[in-house]
C-alpha atoms as a PDB file:
ATOM      1  CA  MET A   1     112.186 105.783  81.953  1.00  0.00           C
ATOM      2  CA  THR A   2     112.627 102.490  80.101  1.00  0.00           C
ATOM      3  CA  ILE A   3     114.807 100.997  82.929  1.00  0.00           C
ATOM      4  CA  LEU A   4     112.025 101.737  85.439  1.00  0.00           C
ATOM      5  CA  ASN A   5     109.461 100.380  83.048  1.00  0.00           C
ATOM      6  CA  THR A   6     111.528  97.128  82.649  1.00  0.00           C
ATOM      7  CA  ILE A   7     111.957  96.775  86.478  1.00  0.00           C
ATOM      8  CA  LEU A   8     108.281  97.253  87.135  1.00  0.00           C
ATOM      9  CA  THR A   9     107.375  94.789  84.359  1.00  0.00           C
ATOM     10  CA  VAL A  10     109.621  92.147  85.913  1.00  0.00           C
ATOM     11  CA  VAL A  11     108.190  92.796  89.413  1.00  0.00           C
ATOM     12  CA  PHE A  12     104.681  92.680  87.883  1.00  0.00           C
ATOM     13  CA  ILE A  13     105.371  89.217  86.405  1.00  0.00           C
ATOM     14  CA  ILE A  14     106.917  87.938  89.651  1.00  0.00           C
ATOM     15  CA  LEU A  15     103.916  89.150  91.612  1.00  0.00           C
ATOM     16  CA  SER A  16     101.498  87.437  89.226  1.00  0.00           C
ATOM     17  CA  VAL A  17     103.346  84.143  89.770  1.00  0.00           C
ATOM     18  CA  ILE A  18     103.349  84.667  93.587  1.00  0.00           C
ATOM     19  CA  ILE A  19      99.604  85.520  93.643  1.00  0.00           C
ATOM     20  CA  THR A  20      98.860  82.347  91.607  1.00  0.00           C
ATOM     21  CA  VAL A  21     100.918  80.116  93.934  1.00  0.00           C
ATOM     22  CA  VAL A  22      99.504  81.662  97.142  1.00  0.00           C
ATOM     23  CA  ILE A  23      95.919  81.341  95.959  1.00  0.00           C
ATOM     24  CA  LEU A  24      96.402  77.746  94.983  1.00  0.00           C
ATOM     25  CA  MET A  25      97.846  77.030  98.431  1.00  0.00           C
ATOM     26  CA  GLN A  26      94.727  78.288 100.157  1.00  0.00           C
ATOM     27  CA  GLU A  27      91.946  75.958 101.292  1.00  0.00           C
ATOM     28  CA  GLY A  28      88.469  76.240  99.943  1.00  0.00           C
ATOM     29  CA  LYS A  29      86.003  78.445 101.843  1.00  0.00           C
ATOM     30  CA  SER A  30      83.142  75.874 101.866  1.00  0.00           C
ATOM     31  CA  ALA A  31      82.625  74.519 105.322  1.00  0.00           C
ATOM     32  CA  GLY A  32      81.070  71.299 104.095  1.00  0.00           C
ATOM     33  CA  LEU A  33      78.805  69.187 106.356  1.00  0.00           C
ATOM     34  CA  GLY A  34      80.626  70.456 109.508  1.00  0.00           C
ATOM     35  CA  ALA A  35      78.762  73.785 109.272  1.00  0.00           C
ATOM     36  CA  ILE A  36      75.412  72.036 109.629  1.00  0.00           C
ATOM     37  CA  ALA A  37      76.300  70.623 113.042  1.00  0.00           C
ATOM     38  CA  GLY A  38      78.098  73.736 114.195  1.00  0.00           C
ATOM     39  CA  ALA A  39      81.556  72.225 114.017  1.00  0.00           C
ATOM     40  CA  ALA A  40      82.921  75.234 112.152  1.00  0.00           C
ATOM     41  CA  ASP A  41      82.814  77.257 115.354  1.00  0.00           C
ATOM     42  CA  THR A  42      85.849  75.617 116.889  1.00  0.00           C
ATOM     43  CA  TYR A  43      89.054  77.012 118.365  1.00  0.00           C
ATOM     44  CA  TRP A  44      90.699  76.626 114.920  1.00  0.00           C
ATOM     45  CA  GLY A  45      87.919  78.566 113.245  1.00  0.00           C
ATOM     46  CA  LYS A  46      88.119  81.402 115.779  1.00  0.00           C
ATOM     47  CA  ASN A  47      91.897  81.741 115.561  1.00  0.00           C
ATOM     48  CA  LYS A  48      92.207  81.321 111.778  1.00  0.00           C
ATOM     49  CA  GLY A  49      93.939  84.726 111.386  1.00  0.00           C
ATOM     50  CA  ARG A  50      96.954  83.513 113.349  1.00  0.00           C
ATOM     51  CA  SER A  51      97.317  80.274 111.340  1.00  0.00           C
ATOM     52  CA  MET A  52      99.007  79.566 108.053  1.00  0.00           C
ATOM     53  CA  GLU A  53      95.724  80.079 106.240  1.00  0.00           C
ATOM     54  CA  GLY A  54      95.361  83.531 107.801  1.00  0.00           C
ATOM     55  CA  MET A  55      98.935  84.409 106.737  1.00  0.00           C
ATOM     56  CA  LEU A  56      98.188  83.295 103.198  1.00  0.00           C
ATOM     57  CA  VAL A  57      95.131  85.520 103.136  1.00  0.00           C
ATOM     58  CA  LYS A  58      97.193  88.539 104.282  1.00  0.00           C
ATOM     59  CA  VAL A  59      99.980  87.779 101.755  1.00  0.00           C
ATOM     60  CA  THR A  60      97.354  87.569  98.981  1.00  0.00           C
ATOM     61  CA  ARG A  61      95.850  90.922  99.931  1.00  0.00           C
ATOM     62  CA  VAL A  62      99.203  92.683  99.937  1.00  0.00           C
ATOM     63  CA  CYS A  63     100.345  91.081  96.651  1.00  0.00           C
ATOM     64  CA  VAL A  64      97.067  91.976  94.934  1.00  0.00           C
ATOM     65  CA  ILE A  65      97.327  95.614  96.080  1.00  0.00           C
ATOM     66  CA  LEU A  66     100.856  95.868  94.803  1.00  0.00           C
ATOM     67  CA  PHE A  67      99.850  94.116  91.606  1.00  0.00           C
ATOM     68  CA  LEU A  68      97.031  96.666  90.992  1.00  0.00           C
ATOM     69  CA  VAL A  69      99.201  99.663  91.869  1.00  0.00           C
ATOM     70  CA  ILE A  70     102.054  98.482  89.507  1.00  0.00           C
ATOM     71  CA  ALA A  71      99.473  97.789  86.782  1.00  0.00           C
ATOM     72  CA  MET A  72      98.201 101.367  87.095  1.00  0.00           C
ATOM     73  CA  VAL A  73     101.738 102.787  87.093  1.00  0.00           C
ATOM     74  CA  LEU A  74     102.702 100.758  84.083  1.00  0.00           C
ATOM     75  CA  ASP A  75      99.545 101.891  82.269  1.00  0.00           C
ATOM     76  CA  LEU A  76     100.242 105.539  83.037  1.00  0.00           C
ATOM     77  CA  GLY A  77     103.850 105.050  81.862  1.00  0.00           C
ATOM     78  CA  VAL A  78     102.673 103.767  78.479  1.00  0.00           C
ATOM     79  CA  TRP A  79     100.226 106.570  77.835  1.00  0.00           C
ATOM     80  CA  GLY A  80     101.991 109.336  79.672  1.00  0.00           C
END
């Protein structure tokens, strides 16, 4: 069980670094003054899911879910 615990801990640390980097790569969600004039409703805004920003959001979601699952497994391993 200690080998599995060590492997999960290493993956947990790597995931935490990946999450930090991916979140820092994302743009801010504030639309700025462009939202007042309606400039936020452009082709780029409508197809944001297919862009690099959309991919970063998807990667963030997957990494956070894995992070939480591994955190719970590691917690159960310590107390179980």
